[in-house]
Amino acid sequence: PLEAFGNMKRGKRNAFDEDIDWDDYNFDDDSADNPEFEQLFAELKNAEIDAVDPPKKLQLNLNVYMDKNWMEDFGKSKFGGPAVAQRIIKHASNFFLHDTVNTKIDLLSD
């Protein structure tokens, strides 16, 4: 079921990891050693790349799938779940098309 934003707890990433203080967590210590990977792939710390200007605009085609809970919560009619999903995508698309964004990303869905 959906929760109202006001009821959501903030500051925790996962309810199962309540004893972890994520603000002080060192993510560099989170990876396992893999000597085979180190041998197969070169270290890229000193790698150089050519400066390439990013594109001015991208189009991202989305395939949106709604589970049965979404449809139960918002309805199956054309004004229900699918329409709510389209409004969310349109709202997100407006962020990526804002004047302050250098590369505009147009989110497209059917």
N, C-alpha and C. Protein backbone atom coordinates (compact mmCIF):
# COMPACT_ATOMS: atom_id res chain seq x y z
N PRO A 1 0.81 -1.19 0.00
CA PRO A 1 0.00 0.00 0.00
C PRO A 1 0.86 1.26 0.00
N LEU A 2 0.34 2.31 -0.54
CA LEU A 2 1.06 3.57 -0.59
C LEU A 2 0.95 4.29 0.73
N GLU A 3 2.04 4.98 1.10
CA GLU A 3 2.06 5.77 2.31
C GLU A 3 2.11 7.24 1.94
N ALA A 4 1.47 8.06 2.70
CA ALA A 4 1.56 9.50 2.47
C ALA A 4 2.98 9.94 2.79
N PHE A 5 3.49 10.94 2.06
CA PHE A 5 4.85 11.38 2.27
C PHE A 5 5.11 11.81 3.71
N GLY A 6 4.13 12.39 4.35
CA GLY A 6 4.30 12.85 5.73
C GLY A 6 4.52 11.71 6.71
N ASN A 7 4.08 10.51 6.36
CA ASN A 7 4.22 9.37 7.26
C ASN A 7 5.52 8.61 7.07
N MET A 8 6.27 8.93 6.03
CA MET A 8 7.50 8.19 5.74
C MET A 8 8.62 8.64 6.66
N LYS A 9 9.42 7.67 7.12
CA LYS A 9 10.57 7.99 7.96
C LYS A 9 11.73 8.41 7.08
N ARG A 10 12.45 9.41 7.51
CA ARG A 10 13.57 9.91 6.74
C ARG A 10 14.88 9.55 7.43
N GLY A 11 15.96 9.48 6.65
CA GLY A 11 17.29 9.26 7.22
C GLY A 11 17.74 7.82 7.20
N LYS A 12 16.85 6.87 7.05
CA LYS A 12 17.22 5.46 7.00
C LYS A 12 17.08 4.97 5.56
N ARG A 13 18.02 4.16 5.10
CA ARG A 13 17.96 3.63 3.76
C ARG A 13 17.18 2.33 3.69
N ASN A 14 17.21 1.57 4.78
CA ASN A 14 16.55 0.28 4.77
C ASN A 14 16.09 -0.04 6.18
N ALA A 15 14.86 -0.43 6.33
CA ALA A 15 14.33 -0.73 7.66
C ALA A 15 15.05 -1.89 8.30
N PHE A 16 15.64 -2.80 7.51
CA PHE A 16 16.33 -3.96 8.05
C PHE A 16 17.72 -3.60 8.58
N ASP A 17 18.25 -2.46 8.21
CA ASP A 17 19.58 -2.04 8.64
C ASP A 17 19.51 -0.88 9.60
N GLU A 18 18.61 -0.94 10.57
CA GLU A 18 18.42 0.17 11.48
C GLU A 18 19.65 0.46 12.33
N ASP A 19 20.51 -0.54 12.53
CA ASP A 19 21.68 -0.34 13.38
C ASP A 19 22.85 0.29 12.62
N ILE A 20 22.73 0.48 11.31
CA ILE A 20 23.80 1.07 10.51
C ILE A 20 23.58 2.58 10.43
N ASP A 21 24.61 3.33 10.78
CA ASP A 21 24.56 4.79 10.64
C ASP A 21 25.07 5.12 9.23
N TRP A 22 24.14 5.33 8.30
CA TRP A 22 24.52 5.52 6.90
C TRP A 22 25.31 6.80 6.67
N ASP A 23 25.18 7.78 7.54
CA ASP A 23 25.92 9.02 7.37
C ASP A 23 27.43 8.80 7.53
N ASP A 24 27.82 7.84 8.37
CA ASP A 24 29.24 7.56 8.61
C ASP A 24 29.73 6.30 7.91
N TYR A 25 28.90 5.69 7.06
CA TYR A 25 29.25 4.43 6.41
C TYR A 25 30.31 4.66 5.34
N ASN A 26 31.35 3.84 5.31
CA ASN A 26 32.42 3.95 4.31
C ASN A 26 32.13 2.94 3.20
N PHE A 27 31.65 3.42 2.07
CA PHE A 27 31.27 2.53 0.98
C PHE A 27 32.49 1.94 0.29
N ASP A 28 33.69 2.50 0.49
CA ASP A 28 34.90 1.92 -0.09
C ASP A 28 35.22 0.57 0.53
N ASP A 29 34.82 0.35 1.77
CA ASP A 29 35.08 -0.92 2.45
C ASP A 29 34.04 -1.97 2.11
N ASP A 30 33.07 -1.64 1.27
CA ASP A 30 31.94 -2.52 1.01
C ASP A 30 32.20 -3.52 -0.11
N SER A 31 33.31 -3.42 -0.82
CA SER A 31 33.56 -4.31 -1.95
C SER A 31 34.50 -5.45 -1.56
N ALA A 32 34.31 -6.58 -2.23
CA ALA A 32 35.15 -7.75 -1.97
C ALA A 32 36.34 -7.73 -2.91
N ASP A 33 37.48 -8.26 -2.45
CA ASP A 33 38.66 -8.37 -3.30
C ASP A 33 38.40 -9.38 -4.40
N ASN A 34 38.82 -9.05 -5.61
CA ASN A 34 38.65 -9.94 -6.75
C ASN A 34 39.91 -9.88 -7.59
N PRO A 35 40.96 -10.69 -7.25
CA PRO A 35 42.24 -10.62 -7.96
C PRO A 35 42.11 -10.96 -9.45
N GLU A 36 41.19 -11.84 -9.81
CA GLU A 36 41.00 -12.19 -11.22
C GLU A 36 40.56 -10.97 -12.02
N PHE A 37 39.66 -10.19 -11.47
CA PHE A 37 39.21 -8.97 -12.12
C PHE A 37 40.38 -8.01 -12.30
N GLU A 38 41.18 -7.87 -11.26
CA GLU A 38 42.33 -6.95 -11.31
C GLU A 38 43.30 -7.34 -12.41
N GLN A 39 43.46 -8.64 -12.66
CA GLN A 39 44.38 -9.09 -13.71
C GLN A 39 43.78 -8.88 -15.11
N LEU A 40 42.48 -9.06 -15.23
CA LEU A 40 41.84 -8.97 -16.53
C LEU A 40 41.64 -7.54 -17.02
N PHE A 41 41.45 -6.62 -16.09
CA PHE A 41 41.12 -5.26 -16.48
C PHE A 41 42.15 -4.28 -15.94
N ALA A 42 42.61 -3.41 -16.81
CA ALA A 42 43.64 -2.45 -16.43
C ALA A 42 43.07 -1.41 -15.47
N GLU A 43 43.95 -0.89 -14.64
CA GLU A 43 43.55 0.19 -13.75
C GLU A 43 43.44 1.48 -14.56
N LEU A 44 42.42 2.24 -14.32
CA LEU A 44 42.13 3.40 -15.15
C LEU A 44 42.36 4.73 -14.44
N LYS A 45 43.12 4.72 -13.34
CA LYS A 45 43.31 5.97 -12.60
C LYS A 45 43.99 7.05 -13.44
N ASN A 46 44.93 6.67 -14.29
CA ASN A 46 45.67 7.65 -15.09
C ASN A 46 45.21 7.69 -16.54
N ALA A 47 44.08 7.11 -16.83
CA ALA A 47 43.58 7.09 -18.20
C ALA A 47 43.14 8.48 -18.62
N GLU A 48 43.33 8.77 -19.89
CA GLU A 48 42.92 10.05 -20.45
C GLU A 48 41.87 9.81 -21.51
N ILE A 49 40.92 10.73 -21.60
CA ILE A 49 39.91 10.66 -22.65
C ILE A 49 39.82 12.02 -23.32
N ASP A 50 39.38 12.00 -24.54
CA ASP A 50 39.17 13.25 -25.26
C ASP A 50 37.94 13.94 -24.70
N ALA A 51 38.03 15.24 -24.58
CA ALA A 51 36.87 16.02 -24.12
C ALA A 51 35.81 16.02 -25.20
N VAL A 52 34.63 15.56 -24.86
CA VAL A 52 33.52 15.51 -25.80
C VAL A 52 32.37 16.31 -25.21
N ASP A 53 31.82 17.19 -26.01
CA ASP A 53 30.66 17.96 -25.54
C ASP A 53 29.45 17.03 -25.48
N PRO A 54 28.73 17.08 -24.38
CA PRO A 54 27.52 16.24 -24.29
C PRO A 54 26.46 16.75 -25.26
N PRO A 55 25.55 15.87 -25.66
CA PRO A 55 24.50 16.32 -26.58
C PRO A 55 23.58 17.33 -25.91
N LYS A 56 22.94 18.14 -26.71
CA LYS A 56 22.01 19.15 -26.19
C LYS A 56 20.71 18.51 -25.73
N LYS A 57 20.28 17.42 -26.40
CA LYS A 57 19.01 16.80 -26.04
C LYS A 57 19.08 15.30 -26.29
N LEU A 58 18.45 14.55 -25.39
CA LEU A 58 18.31 13.10 -25.53
C LEU A 58 16.84 12.75 -25.38
N GLN A 59 16.44 11.68 -26.04
CA GLN A 59 15.10 11.13 -25.85
C GLN A 59 15.24 9.76 -25.22
N LEU A 60 14.54 9.55 -24.14
CA LEU A 60 14.58 8.28 -23.42
C LEU A 60 13.20 7.65 -23.51
N ASN A 61 13.11 6.53 -24.22
CA ASN A 61 11.84 5.82 -24.36
C ASN A 61 11.66 4.90 -23.17
N LEU A 62 10.54 5.05 -22.48
CA LEU A 62 10.26 4.27 -21.28
C LEU A 62 9.20 3.22 -21.55
N ASN A 63 9.42 2.04 -21.00
CA ASN A 63 8.39 1.00 -20.95
C ASN A 63 7.91 0.94 -19.51
N VAL A 64 6.68 1.33 -19.28
CA VAL A 64 6.15 1.42 -17.93
C VAL A 64 5.26 0.21 -17.66
N TYR A 65 5.59 -0.50 -16.59
CA TYR A 65 4.80 -1.65 -16.18
C TYR A 65 4.22 -1.36 -14.80
N MET A 66 2.95 -1.60 -14.64
CA MET A 66 2.28 -1.35 -13.36
C MET A 66 1.83 -2.68 -12.78
N ASP A 67 2.19 -2.92 -11.54
CA ASP A 67 1.77 -4.18 -10.92
C ASP A 67 0.33 -4.09 -10.44
N LYS A 68 -0.19 -5.22 -9.99
CA LYS A 68 -1.61 -5.25 -9.62
C LYS A 68 -1.92 -4.32 -8.46
N ASN A 69 -0.96 -4.13 -7.53
CA ASN A 69 -1.20 -3.23 -6.41
C ASN A 69 -1.37 -1.79 -6.89
N TRP A 70 -0.58 -1.39 -7.87
CA TRP A 70 -0.70 -0.04 -8.43
C TRP A 70 -2.09 0.14 -9.02
N MET A 71 -2.51 -0.85 -9.79
CA MET A 71 -3.82 -0.75 -10.44
C MET A 71 -4.95 -0.80 -9.41
N GLU A 72 -4.77 -1.57 -8.34
CA GLU A 72 -5.79 -1.60 -7.29
C GLU A 72 -5.87 -0.26 -6.55
N ASP A 73 -4.71 0.35 -6.32
CA ASP A 73 -4.67 1.61 -5.58
C ASP A 73 -5.20 2.78 -6.41
N PHE A 74 -4.91 2.81 -7.71
CA PHE A 74 -5.26 3.95 -8.54
C PHE A 74 -6.38 3.69 -9.54
N GLY A 75 -6.74 2.43 -9.71
CA GLY A 75 -7.83 2.10 -10.62
C GLY A 75 -7.34 1.66 -11.98
N LYS A 76 -8.19 0.89 -12.66
CA LYS A 76 -7.81 0.31 -13.95
C LYS A 76 -8.31 1.13 -15.14
N SER A 77 -9.17 2.09 -14.89
CA SER A 77 -9.72 2.88 -16.00
C SER A 77 -8.64 3.77 -16.60
N LYS A 78 -8.95 4.35 -17.75
CA LYS A 78 -7.96 5.21 -18.41
C LYS A 78 -7.67 6.47 -17.58
N PHE A 79 -8.52 6.78 -16.62
CA PHE A 79 -8.28 7.92 -15.75
C PHE A 79 -7.61 7.50 -14.44
N GLY A 80 -7.40 6.19 -14.25
CA GLY A 80 -6.83 5.67 -13.01
C GLY A 80 -5.32 5.48 -13.10
N GLY A 81 -4.88 4.25 -12.84
CA GLY A 81 -3.46 3.93 -12.76
C GLY A 81 -2.61 4.40 -13.93
N PRO A 82 -3.01 4.09 -15.18
CA PRO A 82 -2.20 4.55 -16.32
C PRO A 82 -2.08 6.07 -16.39
N ALA A 83 -3.15 6.79 -16.10
CA ALA A 83 -3.11 8.25 -16.16
C ALA A 83 -2.21 8.81 -15.07
N VAL A 84 -2.25 8.21 -13.88
CA VAL A 84 -1.38 8.66 -12.79
C VAL A 84 0.08 8.44 -13.17
N ALA A 85 0.38 7.29 -13.75
CA ALA A 85 1.75 7.00 -14.19
C ALA A 85 2.21 8.01 -15.23
N GLN A 86 1.34 8.34 -16.19
CA GLN A 86 1.69 9.32 -17.22
C GLN A 86 1.96 10.70 -16.61
N ARG A 87 1.17 11.08 -15.61
CA ARG A 87 1.39 12.38 -14.95
C ARG A 87 2.73 12.40 -14.22
N ILE A 88 3.09 11.28 -13.60
CA ILE A 88 4.38 11.19 -12.90
C ILE A 88 5.52 11.32 -13.90
N ILE A 89 5.41 10.63 -15.03
CA ILE A 89 6.45 10.70 -16.06
C ILE A 89 6.55 12.11 -16.62
N LYS A 90 5.43 12.76 -16.85
CA LYS A 90 5.44 14.15 -17.35
C LYS A 90 6.09 15.08 -16.34
N HIS A 91 5.78 14.88 -15.07
CA HIS A 91 6.37 15.70 -14.01
C HIS A 91 7.89 15.49 -13.96
N ALA A 92 8.34 14.24 -14.02
CA ALA A 92 9.78 13.95 -14.02
C ALA A 92 10.45 14.52 -15.26
N SER A 93 9.78 14.42 -16.40
CA SER A 93 10.32 14.95 -17.64
C SER A 93 10.56 16.45 -17.55
N ASN A 94 9.66 17.16 -16.87
CA ASN A 94 9.83 18.61 -16.71
C ASN A 94 11.13 18.95 -15.97
N PHE A 95 11.54 18.12 -15.03
CA PHE A 95 12.81 18.35 -14.34
C PHE A 95 13.97 18.25 -15.32
N PHE A 96 13.94 17.23 -16.18
CA PHE A 96 15.04 17.00 -17.11
C PHE A 96 15.05 17.97 -18.29
N LEU A 97 13.96 18.70 -18.48
CA LEU A 97 13.88 19.68 -19.56
C LEU A 97 14.05 21.11 -19.06
N HIS A 98 14.33 21.27 -17.80
CA HIS A 98 14.44 22.60 -17.19
C HIS A 98 15.59 23.39 -17.82
N ASP A 99 15.47 24.70 -17.82
CA ASP A 99 16.48 25.57 -18.43
C ASP A 99 17.86 25.43 -17.79
N THR A 100 17.92 25.01 -16.53
CA THR A 100 19.21 24.89 -15.85
C THR A 100 19.95 23.62 -16.19
N VAL A 101 19.32 22.69 -16.90
CA VAL A 101 19.96 21.42 -17.26
C VAL A 101 20.63 21.59 -18.62
N ASN A 102 21.91 21.22 -18.70
CA ASN A 102 22.64 21.38 -19.96
C ASN A 102 22.19 20.40 -21.03
N THR A 103 22.05 19.13 -20.69
CA THR A 103 21.55 18.13 -21.62
C THR A 103 20.10 17.85 -21.27
N LYS A 104 19.20 18.26 -22.13
CA LYS A 104 17.78 18.04 -21.90
C LYS A 104 17.46 16.57 -22.17
N ILE A 105 16.66 15.95 -21.31
CA ILE A 105 16.25 14.56 -21.50
C ILE A 105 14.74 14.53 -21.55
N ASP A 106 14.24 14.10 -22.70
CA ASP A 106 12.80 14.01 -22.91
C ASP A 106 12.36 12.58 -22.64
N LEU A 107 11.55 12.38 -21.59
CA LEU A 107 11.04 11.06 -21.24
C LEU A 107 9.80 10.78 -22.06
N LEU A 108 9.84 9.71 -22.84
CA LEU A 108 8.72 9.36 -23.73
C LEU A 108 8.14 8.01 -23.31
N SER A 109 6.83 7.93 -23.29
CA SER A 109 6.16 6.65 -23.01
C SER A 109 4.82 6.64 -23.72
N ASP A 110 4.31 5.46 -23.96
CA ASP A 110 3.00 5.33 -24.63
C ASP A 110 1.88 5.39 -23.63
